[in-house]
Amino acid sequence: MRILITGVTGFIGSRLAETLASNTHEVWGLSRDPNKAKQRVPQLAQAFAWNPVANPPPIAAFT
């Protein structure tokens, strides 16, 4: 299953992503800094930039 997590670099989001990825799910993340997201959670299949105040989430994250 493909799962998208907002706030993937946070305490809960990163632990959730690690757990889901270890259970063979494809985990995608939304973060203000996608490079930081990939460093913090290397199991992420995709990381997308998103600033909830300034921009809507990228459509590619939902396809």
N, C-alpha and C. Protein backbone atom coordinates (compact mmCIF):
# COMPACT_ATOMS: atom_id res chain seq x y z
N MET A 1 0.85 -1.17 0.00
CA MET A 1 0.00 0.00 0.00
C MET A 1 0.90 1.24 0.00
N ARG A 2 0.53 2.26 -0.75
CA ARG A 2 1.25 3.53 -0.75
C ARG A 2 0.60 4.44 0.29
N ILE A 3 1.44 4.99 1.17
CA ILE A 3 0.95 5.84 2.26
C ILE A 3 1.69 7.16 2.23
N LEU A 4 0.94 8.27 2.31
CA LEU A 4 1.51 9.62 2.33
C LEU A 4 1.40 10.17 3.75
N ILE A 5 2.53 10.64 4.28
CA ILE A 5 2.56 11.17 5.65
C ILE A 5 2.97 12.64 5.60
N THR A 6 2.17 13.50 6.20
CA THR A 6 2.56 14.90 6.35
C THR A 6 3.37 15.02 7.63
N GLY A 7 4.32 15.94 7.65
CA GLY A 7 5.15 16.11 8.84
C GLY A 7 6.06 14.92 9.07
N VAL A 8 6.58 14.37 8.01
CA VAL A 8 7.36 13.14 8.10
C VAL A 8 8.69 13.32 8.82
N THR A 9 9.18 14.53 9.00
CA THR A 9 10.43 14.74 9.73
C THR A 9 10.21 14.93 11.23
N GLY A 10 8.96 15.02 11.65
CA GLY A 10 8.66 15.17 13.07
C GLY A 10 8.81 13.87 13.83
N PHE A 11 8.68 13.94 15.13
CA PHE A 11 8.86 12.77 15.99
C PHE A 11 7.89 11.65 15.63
N ILE A 12 6.63 11.97 15.57
CA ILE A 12 5.62 10.94 15.28
C ILE A 12 5.68 10.51 13.82
N GLY A 13 5.77 11.48 12.92
CA GLY A 13 5.80 11.16 11.49
C GLY A 13 6.96 10.28 11.09
N SER A 14 8.14 10.57 11.62
CA SER A 14 9.31 9.76 11.25
C SER A 14 9.20 8.34 11.79
N ARG A 15 8.72 8.19 13.02
CA ARG A 15 8.55 6.84 13.59
C ARG A 15 7.47 6.06 12.84
N LEU A 16 6.40 6.75 12.49
CA LEU A 16 5.34 6.10 11.73
C LEU A 16 5.85 5.65 10.37
N ALA A 17 6.60 6.51 9.69
CA ALA A 17 7.16 6.16 8.38
C ALA A 17 8.08 4.95 8.47
N GLU A 18 8.94 4.92 9.46
CA GLU A 18 9.86 3.79 9.64
C GLU A 18 9.09 2.49 9.88
N THR A 19 8.08 2.56 10.72
CA THR A 19 7.29 1.36 11.02
C THR A 19 6.54 0.87 9.80
N LEU A 20 5.90 1.78 9.08
CA LEU A 20 5.14 1.37 7.90
C LEU A 20 6.06 0.82 6.81
N ALA A 21 7.21 1.46 6.60
CA ALA A 21 8.15 0.98 5.59
C ALA A 21 8.68 -0.41 5.95
N SER A 22 8.89 -0.66 7.22
CA SER A 22 9.39 -1.98 7.63
C SER A 22 8.33 -3.06 7.45
N ASN A 23 7.08 -2.65 7.31
CA ASN A 23 5.98 -3.59 7.05
C ASN A 23 5.62 -3.63 5.57
N THR A 24 6.59 -3.35 4.72
CA THR A 24 6.50 -3.42 3.25
C THR A 24 5.53 -2.44 2.60
N HIS A 25 5.21 -1.34 3.27
CA HIS A 25 4.40 -0.30 2.64
C HIS A 25 5.33 0.67 1.92
N GLU A 26 4.82 1.27 0.85
CA GLU A 26 5.55 2.31 0.13
C GLU A 26 5.19 3.64 0.79
N VAL A 27 6.14 4.26 1.45
CA VAL A 27 5.87 5.47 2.23
C VAL A 27 6.40 6.69 1.50
N TRP A 28 5.52 7.67 1.32
CA TRP A 28 5.86 8.97 0.74
C TRP A 28 5.69 10.00 1.84
N GLY A 29 6.48 11.08 1.78
CA GLY A 29 6.40 12.09 2.82
C GLY A 29 6.29 13.50 2.28
N LEU A 30 5.56 14.33 3.00
CA LEU A 30 5.49 15.76 2.74
C LEU A 30 6.29 16.46 3.83
N SER A 31 7.18 17.36 3.42
CA SER A 31 8.04 18.05 4.38
C SER A 31 8.44 19.40 3.82
N ARG A 32 8.73 20.35 4.70
CA ARG A 32 9.26 21.63 4.23
C ARG A 32 10.63 21.45 3.59
N ASP A 33 11.35 20.42 3.99
CA ASP A 33 12.69 20.15 3.46
C ASP A 33 12.78 18.68 3.06
N PRO A 34 12.52 18.36 1.78
CA PRO A 34 12.53 16.95 1.37
C PRO A 34 13.90 16.28 1.51
N ASN A 35 14.99 17.04 1.39
CA ASN A 35 16.32 16.45 1.59
C ASN A 35 16.50 15.99 3.04
N LYS A 36 16.04 16.82 3.97
CA LYS A 36 16.09 16.45 5.38
C LYS A 36 15.22 15.22 5.65
N ALA A 37 14.08 15.17 4.98
CA ALA A 37 13.18 14.03 5.16
C ALA A 37 13.86 12.74 4.73
N LYS A 38 14.53 12.75 3.58
CA LYS A 38 15.21 11.55 3.09
C LYS A 38 16.38 11.16 4.00
N GLN A 39 17.04 12.15 4.60
CA GLN A 39 18.13 11.85 5.53
C GLN A 39 17.59 11.26 6.83
N ARG A 40 16.52 11.85 7.32
CA ARG A 40 15.97 11.42 8.61
C ARG A 40 15.24 10.07 8.51
N VAL A 41 14.58 9.87 7.36
CA VAL A 41 13.83 8.62 7.14
C VAL A 41 14.27 8.04 5.79
N PRO A 42 15.40 7.34 5.76
CA PRO A 42 15.93 6.83 4.49
C PRO A 42 15.01 5.83 3.78
N GLN A 43 14.04 5.27 4.49
CA GLN A 43 13.13 4.30 3.90
C GLN A 43 12.06 4.96 3.01
N LEU A 44 11.99 6.29 3.00
CA LEU A 44 10.98 6.96 2.17
C LEU A 44 11.19 6.64 0.70
N ALA A 45 10.11 6.29 0.03
CA ALA A 45 10.18 6.07 -1.41
C ALA A 45 10.23 7.40 -2.15
N GLN A 46 9.51 8.41 -1.65
CA GLN A 46 9.47 9.75 -2.23
C GLN A 46 9.34 10.76 -1.11
N ALA A 47 9.93 11.93 -1.34
CA ALA A 47 9.76 13.05 -0.40
C ALA A 47 9.44 14.29 -1.22
N PHE A 48 8.41 15.01 -0.83
CA PHE A 48 7.94 16.18 -1.55
C PHE A 48 8.03 17.41 -0.66
N ALA A 49 8.38 18.54 -1.28
CA ALA A 49 8.43 19.81 -0.55
C ALA A 49 7.02 20.34 -0.38
N TRP A 50 6.73 20.82 0.84
CA TRP A 50 5.42 21.39 1.12
C TRP A 50 5.53 22.34 2.30
N ASN A 51 5.09 23.56 2.07
CA ASN A 51 4.99 24.55 3.13
C ASN A 51 3.50 24.81 3.32
N PRO A 52 2.89 24.31 4.38
CA PRO A 52 1.44 24.41 4.53
C PRO A 52 0.91 25.83 4.62
N VAL A 53 1.76 26.78 4.96
CA VAL A 53 1.31 28.16 5.06
C VAL A 53 1.32 28.84 3.69
N ALA A 54 2.34 28.58 2.89
CA ALA A 54 2.53 29.30 1.63
C ALA A 54 2.01 28.58 0.40
N ASN A 55 2.03 27.25 0.40
CA ASN A 55 1.70 26.51 -0.82
C ASN A 55 0.80 25.32 -0.53
N PRO A 56 -0.07 24.98 -1.49
CA PRO A 56 -0.81 23.73 -1.34
C PRO A 56 0.13 22.55 -1.58
N PRO A 57 -0.23 21.37 -1.12
CA PRO A 57 0.64 20.21 -1.36
C PRO A 57 0.72 19.91 -2.86
N PRO A 58 1.86 19.39 -3.33
CA PRO A 58 2.01 19.10 -4.75
C PRO A 58 1.09 17.95 -5.18
N ILE A 59 0.47 18.12 -6.33
CA ILE A 59 -0.44 17.10 -6.85
C ILE A 59 0.27 15.76 -7.04
N ALA A 60 1.55 15.80 -7.42
CA ALA A 60 2.31 14.56 -7.65
C ALA A 60 2.33 13.67 -6.41
N ALA A 61 2.21 14.25 -5.25
CA ALA A 61 2.23 13.46 -4.02
C ALA A 61 0.99 12.58 -3.88
N PHE A 62 -0.06 12.92 -4.60
CA PHE A 62 -1.32 12.20 -4.46
C PHE A 62 -1.61 11.25 -5.62
N THR A 63 -0.64 11.09 -6.53
CA THR A 63 -0.89 10.22 -7.69
C THR A 63 -0.03 8.99 -7.65
